[in-house]
Amino acid sequence: MVVEDEEALRVSLVDRLEAEQYQVFAVSTALEARTILKAQEIHLLILDVMLPGQSGLDFCRDLRQEGLNLPILMLTAKRQLLDKVLGLKLGADDYLTKPFEMLEVLARVEALLRRAGPVSRLNQDVFRFGDIHIDFSKPEVLKKGEVVAVTALDLKLLRYFIEHPNETLSRDRLLDEVWGYDATLVTRTIDVHMAGLRQKLEEQPAYPRHFVTVHRMGYKFQP
């Protein structure tokens, strides 16, 4: 899987890897990558350091702490030795500095896959975005390490948003999929609940970063 927010580079990597008969998933954020890791059997991760939301370095660290052992090849535009050393210390298996040749990428990928052992799967119930840590198996929500009191409905709504990142979700759809109500019922229910969720999880509830309103359409979760 390729996790790269620069679209041109992401497309180039996918095209080159697919030309070599690799099956490739491509996303632009750590949260989108996490969703795919939970659903698919991924054998190698090409991960950019500088990503919107959670950085590649933090994502790499979290994956290793959660026990995921697939090979990770990190990409960065930075040339500082410290940045490379940090990435390797956090669990990356190899490192490439931009700009690079596609042949070098292929060589690194082949070498990593050749020496990789059996790949573990990611915990289906653990998610992180910003300062928020959610473990649906407990269930528990932490904000900056502190427990946040949430309801069963909060958790159901959070999981639905996390499973549909960067997607505009209408109030009718949320009522139907999360509440299980008929879409003809009053959708003000959603607005009230979203205000409460923002109060619990957003740093500035009046100016939400993660749970944003899409005018006249609904809501969107931005990791």
N, C-alpha and C. Protein backbone atom coordinates (compact mmCIF):
# COMPACT_ATOMS: atom_id res chain seq x y z
N MET A 1 0.84 -1.19 0.00
CA MET A 1 0.00 0.00 0.00
C MET A 1 0.88 1.25 0.00
N VAL A 2 0.47 2.25 -0.77
CA VAL A 2 1.16 3.54 -0.85
C VAL A 2 0.37 4.56 -0.04
N VAL A 3 1.05 5.23 0.91
CA VAL A 3 0.42 6.30 1.70
C VAL A 3 1.20 7.57 1.41
N GLU A 4 0.67 8.38 0.52
CA GLU A 4 1.38 9.57 0.02
C GLU A 4 0.35 10.64 -0.34
N ASP A 5 0.49 11.84 0.24
CA ASP A 5 -0.50 12.88 0.00
C ASP A 5 -0.23 13.69 -1.26
N GLU A 6 0.96 13.58 -1.82
CA GLU A 6 1.27 14.28 -3.08
C GLU A 6 0.72 13.44 -4.24
N GLU A 7 -0.35 13.94 -4.86
CA GLU A 7 -1.09 13.12 -5.82
C GLU A 7 -0.23 12.63 -6.99
N ALA A 8 0.57 13.51 -7.56
CA ALA A 8 1.36 13.12 -8.73
C ALA A 8 2.31 11.97 -8.39
N LEU A 9 2.97 12.07 -7.24
CA LEU A 9 3.89 11.01 -6.84
C LEU A 9 3.14 9.73 -6.51
N ARG A 10 1.99 9.87 -5.85
CA ARG A 10 1.20 8.70 -5.51
C ARG A 10 0.78 7.94 -6.78
N VAL A 11 0.32 8.66 -7.77
CA VAL A 11 -0.11 8.04 -9.03
C VAL A 11 1.08 7.38 -9.72
N SER A 12 2.23 8.04 -9.72
CA SER A 12 3.43 7.48 -10.36
C SER A 12 3.86 6.19 -9.68
N LEU A 13 3.84 6.18 -8.36
CA LEU A 13 4.22 4.97 -7.63
C LEU A 13 3.26 3.82 -7.93
N VAL A 14 1.98 4.12 -7.92
CA VAL A 14 0.98 3.07 -8.20
C VAL A 14 1.17 2.53 -9.62
N ASP A 15 1.31 3.42 -10.59
CA ASP A 15 1.47 2.98 -11.98
C ASP A 15 2.70 2.08 -12.15
N ARG A 16 3.80 2.47 -11.54
CA ARG A 16 5.05 1.71 -11.69
C ARG A 16 4.95 0.36 -11.00
N LEU A 17 4.37 0.35 -9.81
CA LEU A 17 4.24 -0.91 -9.08
C LEU A 17 3.26 -1.86 -9.77
N GLU A 18 2.16 -1.30 -10.28
CA GLU A 18 1.19 -2.15 -10.98
C GLU A 18 1.78 -2.70 -12.27
N ALA A 19 2.67 -1.94 -12.89
CA ALA A 19 3.35 -2.42 -14.09
C ALA A 19 4.22 -3.63 -13.80
N GLU A 20 4.65 -3.75 -12.53
CA GLU A 20 5.44 -4.91 -12.10
C GLU A 20 4.56 -6.00 -11.50
N GLN A 21 3.26 -5.91 -11.72
CA GLN A 21 2.28 -6.92 -11.31
C GLN A 21 2.00 -6.95 -9.80
N TYR A 22 2.28 -5.84 -9.11
CA TYR A 22 1.87 -5.72 -7.71
C TYR A 22 0.43 -5.21 -7.65
N GLN A 23 -0.33 -5.72 -6.69
CA GLN A 23 -1.65 -5.16 -6.41
C GLN A 23 -1.45 -4.04 -5.40
N VAL A 24 -1.92 -2.84 -5.73
CA VAL A 24 -1.59 -1.66 -4.92
C VAL A 24 -2.85 -0.94 -4.45
N PHE A 25 -2.89 -0.65 -3.15
CA PHE A 25 -3.88 0.28 -2.58
C PHE A 25 -3.16 1.60 -2.37
N ALA A 26 -3.84 2.70 -2.63
CA ALA A 26 -3.21 4.02 -2.49
C ALA A 26 -4.14 4.97 -1.76
N VAL A 27 -3.61 5.64 -0.74
CA VAL A 27 -4.37 6.61 0.05
C VAL A 27 -3.48 7.80 0.38
N SER A 28 -4.08 8.84 0.96
CA SER A 28 -3.32 10.07 1.23
C SER A 28 -3.18 10.39 2.72
N THR A 29 -3.83 9.62 3.60
CA THR A 29 -3.73 9.89 5.03
C THR A 29 -3.50 8.60 5.81
N ALA A 30 -3.01 8.76 7.03
CA ALA A 30 -2.78 7.61 7.90
C ALA A 30 -4.09 6.92 8.26
N LEU A 31 -5.14 7.70 8.49
CA LEU A 31 -6.41 7.11 8.87
C LEU A 31 -6.99 6.25 7.75
N GLU A 32 -6.89 6.73 6.52
CA GLU A 32 -7.36 5.92 5.39
C GLU A 32 -6.54 4.64 5.28
N ALA A 33 -5.24 4.75 5.52
CA ALA A 33 -4.38 3.56 5.50
C ALA A 33 -4.79 2.57 6.57
N ARG A 34 -5.11 3.08 7.75
CA ARG A 34 -5.52 2.21 8.86
C ARG A 34 -6.79 1.44 8.50
N THR A 35 -7.72 2.10 7.84
CA THR A 35 -8.96 1.45 7.44
C THR A 35 -8.68 0.29 6.50
N ILE A 36 -7.78 0.49 5.55
CA ILE A 36 -7.44 -0.58 4.61
C ILE A 36 -6.68 -1.70 5.30
N LEU A 37 -5.79 -1.35 6.21
CA LEU A 37 -5.03 -2.37 6.93
C LEU A 37 -5.94 -3.29 7.73
N LYS A 38 -7.06 -2.78 8.19
CA LYS A 38 -8.00 -3.60 8.94
C LYS A 38 -8.81 -4.53 8.03
N ALA A 39 -8.96 -4.13 6.78
CA ALA A 39 -9.85 -4.87 5.88
C ALA A 39 -9.10 -5.77 4.89
N GLN A 40 -7.84 -5.45 4.61
CA GLN A 40 -7.10 -6.15 3.57
C GLN A 40 -5.81 -6.76 4.11
N GLU A 41 -5.30 -7.75 3.42
CA GLU A 41 -4.01 -8.33 3.78
C GLU A 41 -2.91 -7.59 3.03
N ILE A 42 -2.25 -6.68 3.70
CA ILE A 42 -1.22 -5.83 3.10
C ILE A 42 0.15 -6.40 3.44
N HIS A 43 1.04 -6.48 2.46
CA HIS A 43 2.35 -7.09 2.67
C HIS A 43 3.49 -6.09 2.80
N LEU A 44 3.25 -4.83 2.41
CA LEU A 44 4.31 -3.82 2.51
C LEU A 44 3.67 -2.44 2.47
N LEU A 45 4.26 -1.51 3.22
CA LEU A 45 3.75 -0.14 3.30
C LEU A 45 4.82 0.82 2.81
N ILE A 46 4.47 1.64 1.80
CA ILE A 46 5.31 2.75 1.37
C ILE A 46 4.69 3.99 1.98
N LEU A 47 5.39 4.62 2.92
CA LEU A 47 4.78 5.61 3.80
C LEU A 47 5.55 6.93 3.76
N ASP A 48 4.86 8.00 3.37
CA ASP A 48 5.47 9.33 3.38
C ASP A 48 5.54 9.85 4.81
N VAL A 49 6.61 10.56 5.14
CA VAL A 49 6.78 11.12 6.48
C VAL A 49 5.79 12.25 6.74
N MET A 50 5.67 13.16 5.77
CA MET A 50 4.85 14.36 5.95
C MET A 50 3.46 14.12 5.37
N LEU A 51 2.50 13.78 6.25
CA LEU A 51 1.13 13.53 5.83
C LEU A 51 0.20 14.52 6.53
N PRO A 52 -0.94 14.84 5.91
CA PRO A 52 -1.94 15.64 6.63
C PRO A 52 -2.52 14.84 7.78
N GLY A 53 -2.82 15.50 8.88
CA GLY A 53 -3.30 14.77 10.05
C GLY A 53 -2.13 14.12 10.76
N GLN A 54 -2.25 12.83 11.03
CA GLN A 54 -1.17 12.12 11.71
C GLN A 54 0.02 11.96 10.76
N SER A 55 1.22 12.27 11.23
CA SER A 55 2.41 12.17 10.40
C SER A 55 2.78 10.71 10.15
N GLY A 56 3.58 10.49 9.11
CA GLY A 56 4.05 9.14 8.81
C GLY A 56 4.89 8.56 9.94
N LEU A 57 5.70 9.40 10.58
CA LEU A 57 6.53 8.94 11.70
C LEU A 57 5.66 8.44 12.85
N ASP A 58 4.64 9.23 13.21
CA ASP A 58 3.75 8.82 14.31
C ASP A 58 2.95 7.58 13.95
N PHE A 59 2.52 7.50 12.70
CA PHE A 59 1.76 6.34 12.25
C PHE A 59 2.62 5.09 12.30
N CYS A 60 3.86 5.21 11.85
CA CYS A 60 4.79 4.09 11.90
C CYS A 60 4.99 3.60 13.34
N ARG A 61 5.21 4.55 14.24
CA ARG A 61 5.38 4.20 15.65
C ARG A 61 4.16 3.47 16.21
N ASP A 62 2.96 3.99 15.88
CA ASP A 62 1.74 3.38 16.39
C ASP A 62 1.55 1.97 15.86
N LEU A 63 1.83 1.77 14.58
CA LEU A 63 1.67 0.44 13.99
C LEU A 63 2.58 -0.57 14.67
N ARG A 64 3.81 -0.17 14.94
CA ARG A 64 4.73 -1.10 15.61
C ARG A 64 4.29 -1.37 17.05
N GLN A 65 3.80 -0.35 17.72
CA GLN A 65 3.32 -0.55 19.10
C GLN A 65 2.11 -1.46 19.14
N GLU A 66 1.34 -1.47 18.06
CA GLU A 66 0.15 -2.33 17.98
C GLU A 66 0.48 -3.73 17.47
N GLY A 67 1.75 -3.98 17.19
CA GLY A 67 2.18 -5.32 16.82
C GLY A 67 2.19 -5.63 15.34
N LEU A 68 1.99 -4.64 14.49
CA LEU A 68 2.00 -4.89 13.05
C LEU A 68 3.45 -4.98 12.56
N ASN A 69 3.78 -6.07 11.88
CA ASN A 69 5.18 -6.32 11.54
C ASN A 69 5.47 -6.29 10.05
N LEU A 70 4.56 -5.74 9.24
CA LEU A 70 4.82 -5.70 7.81
C LEU A 70 5.96 -4.72 7.51
N PRO A 71 6.71 -4.93 6.40
CA PRO A 71 7.81 -4.03 6.06
C PRO A 71 7.29 -2.62 5.76
N ILE A 72 8.02 -1.61 6.24
CA ILE A 72 7.66 -0.21 6.01
C ILE A 72 8.84 0.51 5.36
N LEU A 73 8.58 1.06 4.18
CA LEU A 73 9.55 1.88 3.45
C LEU A 73 9.10 3.32 3.55
N MET A 74 9.89 4.17 4.20
CA MET A 74 9.49 5.55 4.41
C MET A 74 10.07 6.47 3.34
N LEU A 75 9.26 7.45 2.94
CA LEU A 75 9.65 8.45 1.95
C LEU A 75 9.65 9.82 2.59
N THR A 76 10.62 10.65 2.24
CA THR A 76 10.63 12.00 2.79
C THR A 76 11.37 12.95 1.87
N ALA A 77 10.99 14.22 1.95
CA ALA A 77 11.71 15.25 1.22
C ALA A 77 12.83 15.81 2.08
N LYS A 78 12.86 15.42 3.35
CA LYS A 78 13.88 15.93 4.25
C LYS A 78 15.19 15.17 4.07
N ARG A 79 16.29 15.87 4.23
CA ARG A 79 17.59 15.24 4.06
C ARG A 79 18.37 15.10 5.37
N GLN A 80 17.80 15.64 6.46
CA GLN A 80 18.52 15.60 7.72
C GLN A 80 18.72 14.16 8.20
N LEU A 81 19.93 13.88 8.67
CA LEU A 81 20.26 12.56 9.20
C LEU A 81 19.35 12.22 10.36
N LEU A 82 19.04 13.20 11.22
CA LEU A 82 18.21 12.96 12.39
C LEU A 82 16.85 12.42 12.01
N ASP A 83 16.27 12.97 10.94
CA ASP A 83 14.95 12.54 10.49
C ASP A 83 14.98 11.07 10.07
N LYS A 84 16.02 10.67 9.36
CA LYS A 84 16.15 9.29 8.92
C LYS A 84 16.35 8.35 10.10
N VAL A 85 17.21 8.75 11.02
CA VAL A 85 17.48 7.93 12.20
C VAL A 85 16.21 7.74 13.02
N LEU A 86 15.44 8.82 13.19
CA LEU A 86 14.20 8.74 13.95
C LEU A 86 13.23 7.77 13.31
N GLY A 87 13.08 7.86 11.99
CA GLY A 87 12.18 6.96 11.29
C GLY A 87 12.55 5.50 11.50
N LEU A 88 13.83 5.20 11.41
CA LEU A 88 14.29 3.83 11.60
C LEU A 88 14.11 3.38 13.05
N LYS A 89 14.34 4.28 13.99
CA LYS A 89 14.14 3.94 15.40
C LYS A 89 12.67 3.67 15.71
N LEU A 90 11.78 4.35 15.01
CA LEU A 90 10.34 4.18 15.27
C LEU A 90 9.78 2.93 14.60
N GLY A 91 10.60 2.26 13.79
CA GLY A 91 10.16 0.98 13.25
C GLY A 91 10.19 0.84 11.74
N ALA A 92 10.61 1.88 11.01
CA ALA A 92 10.71 1.75 9.55
C ALA A 92 11.82 0.76 9.21
N ASP A 93 11.65 0.02 8.12
CA ASP A 93 12.65 -0.95 7.69
C ASP A 93 13.65 -0.36 6.71
N ASP A 94 13.23 0.66 5.98
CA ASP A 94 14.11 1.28 4.99
C ASP A 94 13.64 2.70 4.75
N TYR A 95 14.46 3.47 4.03
CA TYR A 95 14.23 4.91 3.92
C TYR A 95 14.69 5.39 2.55
N LEU A 96 13.86 6.21 1.89
CA LEU A 96 14.23 6.84 0.63
C LEU A 96 13.99 8.35 0.72
N THR A 97 14.94 9.13 0.24
CA THR A 97 14.80 10.58 0.24
C THR A 97 14.40 11.06 -1.15
N LYS A 98 13.36 11.90 -1.21
CA LYS A 98 12.92 12.47 -2.49
C LYS A 98 13.92 13.53 -2.94
N PRO A 99 14.09 13.67 -4.26
CA PRO A 99 13.55 12.83 -5.34
C PRO A 99 14.33 11.53 -5.47
N PHE A 100 13.69 10.51 -5.99
CA PHE A 100 14.34 9.22 -6.15
C PHE A 100 13.92 8.61 -7.48
N GLU A 101 14.65 7.63 -7.92
CA GLU A 101 14.35 6.92 -9.15
C GLU A 101 13.39 5.77 -8.85
N MET A 102 12.44 5.55 -9.75
CA MET A 102 11.49 4.47 -9.55
C MET A 102 12.17 3.10 -9.50
N LEU A 103 13.27 2.95 -10.22
CA LEU A 103 14.00 1.68 -10.18
C LEU A 103 14.53 1.40 -8.78
N GLU A 104 14.91 2.46 -8.07
CA GLU A 104 15.39 2.29 -6.70
C GLU A 104 14.24 1.88 -5.78
N VAL A 105 13.08 2.46 -6.00
CA VAL A 105 11.91 2.07 -5.21
C VAL A 105 11.63 0.58 -5.42
N LEU A 106 11.62 0.15 -6.66
CA LEU A 106 11.34 -1.26 -6.96
C LEU A 106 12.36 -2.18 -6.31
N ALA A 107 13.63 -1.77 -6.34
CA ALA A 107 14.67 -2.59 -5.75
C ALA A 107 14.47 -2.71 -4.24
N ARG A 108 14.12 -1.60 -3.59
CA ARG A 108 13.89 -1.63 -2.14
C ARG A 108 12.67 -2.48 -1.80
N VAL A 109 11.61 -2.34 -2.59
CA VAL A 109 10.39 -3.12 -2.36
C VAL A 109 10.68 -4.61 -2.47
N GLU A 110 11.39 -4.99 -3.54
CA GLU A 110 11.70 -6.40 -3.76
C GLU A 110 12.54 -6.97 -2.61
N ALA A 111 13.52 -6.18 -2.16
CA ALA A 111 14.39 -6.64 -1.07
C ALA A 111 13.60 -6.81 0.24
N LEU A 112 12.73 -5.84 0.54
CA LEU A 112 11.94 -5.91 1.77
C LEU A 112 10.98 -7.10 1.75
N LEU A 113 10.33 -7.32 0.62
CA LEU A 113 9.39 -8.44 0.53
C LEU A 113 10.13 -9.78 0.60
N ARG A 114 11.33 -9.81 0.04
CA ARG A 114 12.10 -11.06 0.02
C ARG A 114 12.48 -11.52 1.43
N ARG A 115 12.82 -10.56 2.28
CA ARG A 115 13.27 -10.94 3.61
C ARG A 115 12.17 -10.85 4.68
N ALA A 116 10.96 -10.47 4.28
CA ALA A 116 9.86 -10.35 5.25
C ALA A 116 9.35 -11.72 5.66
N GLY A 117 8.97 -11.85 6.93
CA GLY A 117 8.34 -13.06 7.43
C GLY A 117 6.84 -12.96 7.30
N PRO A 118 6.10 -13.85 7.96
CA PRO A 118 4.64 -13.77 7.94
C PRO A 118 4.17 -12.43 8.50
N VAL A 119 3.18 -11.84 7.85
CA VAL A 119 2.69 -10.52 8.23
C VAL A 119 1.49 -10.64 9.17
N SER A 120 1.52 -9.90 10.29
CA SER A 120 0.41 -9.89 11.22
C SER A 120 -0.68 -8.95 10.70
N ARG A 121 -1.87 -9.05 11.31
CA ARG A 121 -2.98 -8.18 10.94
C ARG A 121 -3.18 -7.11 12.02
N LEU A 122 -3.72 -5.98 11.61
CA LEU A 122 -3.93 -4.85 12.51
C LEU A 122 -5.18 -5.07 13.36
N ASN A 123 -5.10 -4.65 14.61
CA ASN A 123 -6.25 -4.70 15.51
C ASN A 123 -7.42 -3.94 14.89
N GLN A 124 -8.57 -4.60 14.81
CA GLN A 124 -9.73 -4.02 14.15
C GLN A 124 -10.40 -2.93 14.98
N ASP A 125 -10.03 -2.82 16.25
CA ASP A 125 -10.80 -1.96 17.16
C ASP A 125 -10.06 -0.73 17.65
N VAL A 126 -8.83 -0.51 17.23
CA VAL A 126 -8.04 0.62 17.73
C VAL A 126 -7.85 1.66 16.62
N PHE A 127 -8.18 2.93 16.95
CA PHE A 127 -8.03 4.02 15.99
C PHE A 127 -7.41 5.22 16.68
N ARG A 128 -6.65 6.00 15.92
CA ARG A 128 -6.08 7.25 16.42
C ARG A 128 -6.25 8.34 15.37
N PHE A 129 -6.59 9.54 15.82
CA PHE A 129 -6.55 10.72 14.96
C PHE A 129 -6.35 11.92 15.86
N GLY A 130 -5.44 12.81 15.45
CA GLY A 130 -5.11 13.95 16.29
C GLY A 130 -4.71 13.51 17.68
N ASP A 131 -5.33 14.10 18.71
CA ASP A 131 -5.05 13.75 20.10
C ASP A 131 -5.99 12.67 20.63
N ILE A 132 -6.78 12.09 19.73
CA ILE A 132 -7.82 11.13 20.15
C ILE A 132 -7.37 9.69 19.92
N HIS A 133 -7.57 8.86 20.92
CA HIS A 133 -7.30 7.42 20.84
C HIS A 133 -8.60 6.70 21.18
N ILE A 134 -9.04 5.81 20.29
CA ILE A 134 -10.29 5.08 20.50
C ILE A 134 -10.01 3.58 20.45
N ASP A 135 -10.46 2.88 21.47
CA ASP A 135 -10.39 1.42 21.49
C ASP A 135 -11.82 0.90 21.65
N PHE A 136 -12.39 0.43 20.55
CA PHE A 136 -13.78 -0.01 20.58
C PHE A 136 -13.96 -1.32 21.34
N SER A 137 -12.89 -2.06 21.56
CA SER A 137 -13.01 -3.34 22.25
C SER A 137 -13.22 -3.17 23.74
N LYS A 138 -12.83 -2.01 24.31
CA LYS A 138 -12.90 -1.87 25.78
C LYS A 138 -14.30 -1.51 26.29
N PRO A 139 -15.06 -0.58 25.76
CA PRO A 139 -14.68 0.51 24.84
C PRO A 139 -14.12 1.68 25.64
N GLU A 140 -13.24 2.47 24.98
CA GLU A 140 -12.61 3.59 25.67
C GLU A 140 -12.21 4.65 24.67
N VAL A 141 -12.42 5.90 25.04
CA VAL A 141 -11.98 7.04 24.23
C VAL A 141 -11.09 7.91 25.11
N LEU A 142 -9.90 8.23 24.59
CA LEU A 142 -8.96 9.09 25.30
C LEU A 142 -8.70 10.35 24.49
N LYS A 143 -8.60 11.47 25.16
CA LYS A 143 -8.20 12.73 24.55
C LYS A 143 -6.99 13.24 25.31
N LYS A 144 -5.86 13.31 24.63
CA LYS A 144 -4.59 13.68 25.28
C LYS A 144 -4.31 12.80 26.49
N GLY A 145 -4.67 11.53 26.36
CA GLY A 145 -4.41 10.57 27.43
C GLY A 145 -5.44 10.52 28.53
N GLU A 146 -6.43 11.42 28.48
CA GLU A 146 -7.46 11.47 29.51
C GLU A 146 -8.75 10.81 29.00
N VAL A 147 -9.40 10.04 29.87
CA VAL A 147 -10.63 9.34 29.48
C VAL A 147 -11.75 10.33 29.21
N VAL A 148 -12.44 10.13 28.10
CA VAL A 148 -13.60 10.94 27.73
C VAL A 148 -14.86 10.10 27.93
N ALA A 149 -15.83 10.66 28.63
CA ALA A 149 -17.10 9.95 28.85
C ALA A 149 -17.93 9.99 27.57
N VAL A 150 -18.19 8.82 27.00
CA VAL A 150 -18.99 8.73 25.78
C VAL A 150 -20.10 7.71 25.96
N THR A 151 -21.13 7.86 25.16
CA THR A 151 -22.26 6.93 25.18
C THR A 151 -22.09 5.86 24.12
N ALA A 152 -22.94 4.85 24.18
CA ALA A 152 -22.93 3.81 23.16
C ALA A 152 -23.23 4.39 21.78
N LEU A 153 -24.11 5.39 21.74
CA LEU A 153 -24.43 6.04 20.47
C LEU A 153 -23.24 6.84 19.95
N ASP A 154 -22.50 7.50 20.86
CA ASP A 154 -21.28 8.20 20.46
C ASP A 154 -20.33 7.24 19.76
N LEU A 155 -20.15 6.08 20.36
CA LEU A 155 -19.20 5.10 19.81
C LEU A 155 -19.66 4.59 18.44
N LYS A 156 -20.96 4.37 18.31
CA LYS A 156 -21.49 3.90 17.03
C LYS A 156 -21.29 4.96 15.95
N LEU A 157 -21.52 6.22 16.31
CA LEU A 157 -21.35 7.32 15.37
C LEU A 157 -19.88 7.49 15.01
N LEU A 158 -19.00 7.40 16.00
CA LEU A 158 -17.57 7.52 15.75
C LEU A 158 -17.08 6.43 14.80
N ARG A 159 -17.50 5.22 15.03
CA ARG A 159 -17.05 4.13 14.14
C ARG A 159 -17.53 4.37 12.71
N TYR A 160 -18.76 4.85 12.56
CA TYR A 160 -19.27 5.08 11.21
C TYR A 160 -18.47 6.18 10.51
N PHE A 161 -18.17 7.25 11.23
CA PHE A 161 -17.35 8.31 10.65
C PHE A 161 -15.96 7.79 10.27
N ILE A 162 -15.33 7.04 11.15
CA ILE A 162 -13.98 6.53 10.92
C ILE A 162 -13.95 5.60 9.72
N GLU A 163 -15.02 4.85 9.52
CA GLU A 163 -15.08 3.93 8.38
C GLU A 163 -15.38 4.65 7.07
N HIS A 164 -15.72 5.95 7.14
CA HIS A 164 -16.01 6.74 5.93
C HIS A 164 -15.26 8.08 6.00
N PRO A 165 -13.92 8.05 6.08
CA PRO A 165 -13.16 9.29 6.21
C PRO A 165 -13.26 10.17 4.96
N ASN A 166 -13.31 11.48 5.19
CA ASN A 166 -13.32 12.47 4.11
C ASN A 166 -14.51 12.30 3.16
N GLU A 167 -15.57 11.69 3.64
CA GLU A 167 -16.77 11.48 2.83
C GLU A 167 -17.91 12.30 3.43
N THR A 168 -18.60 13.07 2.59
CA THR A 168 -19.73 13.85 3.09
C THR A 168 -20.91 12.91 3.35
N LEU A 169 -21.38 12.91 4.60
CA LEU A 169 -22.46 12.03 5.02
C LEU A 169 -23.69 12.88 5.33
N SER A 170 -24.76 12.62 4.62
CA SER A 170 -25.98 13.40 4.82
C SER A 170 -26.61 13.06 6.17
N ARG A 171 -27.43 13.96 6.68
CA ARG A 171 -28.14 13.70 7.93
C ARG A 171 -29.07 12.50 7.78
N ASP A 172 -29.74 12.40 6.64
CA ASP A 172 -30.63 11.27 6.41
C ASP A 172 -29.86 9.95 6.46
N ARG A 173 -28.68 9.95 5.85
CA ARG A 173 -27.88 8.72 5.84
C ARG A 173 -27.43 8.35 7.26
N LEU A 174 -27.01 9.35 8.04
CA LEU A 174 -26.58 9.08 9.41
C LEU A 174 -27.74 8.57 10.25
N LEU A 175 -28.91 9.17 10.09
CA LEU A 175 -30.08 8.70 10.82
C LEU A 175 -30.38 7.25 10.48
N ASP A 176 -30.29 6.92 9.23
CA ASP A 176 -30.61 5.58 8.77
C ASP A 176 -29.56 4.57 9.22
N GLU A 177 -28.27 4.90 9.03
CA GLU A 177 -27.19 3.94 9.27
C GLU A 177 -26.78 3.85 10.74
N VAL A 178 -26.84 4.96 11.46
CA VAL A 178 -26.37 4.97 12.85
C VAL A 178 -27.53 4.86 13.84
N TRP A 179 -28.52 5.72 13.66
CA TRP A 179 -29.67 5.70 14.58
C TRP A 179 -30.65 4.58 14.25
N GLY A 180 -30.71 4.22 12.95
CA GLY A 180 -31.68 3.23 12.52
C GLY A 180 -33.08 3.80 12.38
N TYR A 181 -33.15 5.15 12.26
CA TYR A 181 -34.44 5.80 12.11
C TYR A 181 -34.83 5.88 10.65
N ASP A 182 -36.12 6.06 10.42
CA ASP A 182 -36.60 6.38 9.09
C ASP A 182 -36.11 7.78 8.74
N ALA A 183 -35.63 7.95 7.54
CA ALA A 183 -35.06 9.23 7.12
C ALA A 183 -36.06 10.37 7.10
N THR A 184 -37.35 10.06 7.23
CA THR A 184 -38.35 11.13 7.23
C THR A 184 -38.45 11.81 8.59
N LEU A 185 -37.82 11.25 9.61
CA LEU A 185 -37.86 11.86 10.93
C LEU A 185 -37.02 13.13 10.95
N VAL A 186 -37.20 13.96 11.97
CA VAL A 186 -36.51 15.24 12.07
C VAL A 186 -35.00 15.03 12.20
N THR A 187 -34.23 15.66 11.31
CA THR A 187 -32.79 15.47 11.32
C THR A 187 -32.07 16.39 12.29
N ARG A 188 -32.83 17.23 13.01
CA ARG A 188 -32.21 18.07 14.04
C ARG A 188 -31.51 17.22 15.10
N THR A 189 -31.95 15.98 15.25
CA THR A 189 -31.33 15.05 16.18
C THR A 189 -29.83 14.95 15.91
N ILE A 190 -29.45 14.89 14.64
CA ILE A 190 -28.05 14.78 14.26
C ILE A 190 -27.27 16.01 14.72
N ASP A 191 -27.81 17.19 14.46
CA ASP A 191 -27.11 18.43 14.78
C ASP A 191 -26.83 18.54 16.28
N VAL A 192 -27.82 18.18 17.09
CA VAL A 192 -27.65 18.24 18.54
C VAL A 192 -26.57 17.28 18.99
N HIS A 193 -26.59 16.08 18.44
CA HIS A 193 -25.61 15.07 18.85
C HIS A 193 -24.20 15.44 18.37
N MET A 194 -24.10 15.99 17.17
CA MET A 194 -22.80 16.40 16.66
C MET A 194 -22.20 17.51 17.51
N ALA A 195 -23.03 18.43 17.97
CA ALA A 195 -22.55 19.51 18.84
C ALA A 195 -21.96 18.92 20.12
N GLY A 196 -22.62 17.91 20.66
CA GLY A 196 -22.11 17.26 21.85
C GLY A 196 -20.82 16.51 21.62
N LEU A 197 -20.71 15.84 20.47
CA LEU A 197 -19.50 15.10 20.13
C LEU A 197 -18.31 16.05 19.96
N ARG A 198 -18.56 17.20 19.34
CA ARG A 198 -17.50 18.19 19.19
C ARG A 198 -17.03 18.72 20.54
N GLN A 199 -17.97 18.93 21.45
CA GLN A 199 -17.60 19.41 22.79
C GLN A 199 -16.68 18.41 23.48
N LYS A 200 -16.89 17.15 23.24
CA LYS A 200 -16.10 16.11 23.89
C LYS A 200 -14.73 15.91 23.23
N LEU A 201 -14.66 16.04 21.91
CA LEU A 201 -13.45 15.60 21.20
C LEU A 201 -12.66 16.69 20.50
N GLU A 202 -13.30 17.77 20.11
CA GLU A 202 -12.59 18.81 19.37
C GLU A 202 -11.83 19.73 20.33
N GLU A 203 -10.66 20.20 19.88
CA GLU A 203 -9.89 21.16 20.66
C GLU A 203 -10.63 22.48 20.77
N GLN A 204 -11.23 22.91 19.64
CA GLN A 204 -12.05 24.11 19.61
C GLN A 204 -13.39 23.74 18.98
N PRO A 205 -14.37 23.39 19.79
CA PRO A 205 -15.65 22.91 19.26
C PRO A 205 -16.33 23.88 18.29
N ALA A 206 -16.14 25.18 18.49
CA ALA A 206 -16.76 26.16 17.59
C ALA A 206 -16.08 26.19 16.23
N TYR A 207 -14.84 25.70 16.17
CA TYR A 207 -14.07 25.66 14.92
C TYR A 207 -13.52 24.25 14.75
N PRO A 208 -14.41 23.30 14.48
CA PRO A 208 -13.99 21.89 14.46
C PRO A 208 -12.98 21.58 13.37
N ARG A 209 -12.05 20.72 13.73
CA ARG A 209 -11.03 20.27 12.78
C ARG A 209 -11.39 18.91 12.17
N HIS A 210 -11.98 18.04 12.98
CA HIS A 210 -12.22 16.66 12.54
C HIS A 210 -13.66 16.39 12.11
N PHE A 211 -14.63 16.97 12.82
CA PHE A 211 -16.05 16.72 12.52
C PHE A 211 -16.65 18.01 12.00
N VAL A 212 -16.60 18.17 10.67
CA VAL A 212 -16.94 19.45 10.07
C VAL A 212 -18.32 19.39 9.40
N THR A 213 -18.97 20.54 9.39
CA THR A 213 -20.26 20.67 8.71
C THR A 213 -20.05 20.98 7.24
N VAL A 214 -20.75 20.27 6.38
CA VAL A 214 -20.76 20.56 4.95
C VAL A 214 -22.10 21.24 4.66
N HIS A 215 -22.05 22.52 4.35
CA HIS A 215 -23.26 23.34 4.24
C HIS A 215 -24.33 22.70 3.36
N ARG A 216 -25.52 22.57 3.93
CA ARG A 216 -26.71 22.05 3.26
C ARG A 216 -26.58 20.58 2.84
N MET A 217 -25.52 19.92 3.28
CA MET A 217 -25.32 18.53 2.87
C MET A 217 -25.22 17.56 4.04
N GLY A 218 -24.48 17.93 5.09
CA GLY A 218 -24.32 17.01 6.21
C GLY A 218 -23.02 17.24 6.95
N TYR A 219 -22.31 16.14 7.21
CA TYR A 219 -21.07 16.22 7.98
C TYR A 219 -19.98 15.39 7.31
N LYS A 220 -18.75 15.76 7.64
CA LYS A 220 -17.60 15.05 7.11
C LYS A 220 -16.58 14.85 8.23
N PHE A 221 -16.01 13.64 8.29
CA PHE A 221 -14.94 13.37 9.25
C PHE A 221 -13.60 13.53 8.54
N GLN A 222 -12.77 14.43 9.06
CA GLN A 222 -11.44 14.69 8.51
C GLN A 222 -10.40 14.27 9.54
N PRO A 223 -9.67 13.20 9.29
CA PRO A 223 -8.69 12.72 10.27
C PRO A 223 -7.56 13.72 10.50
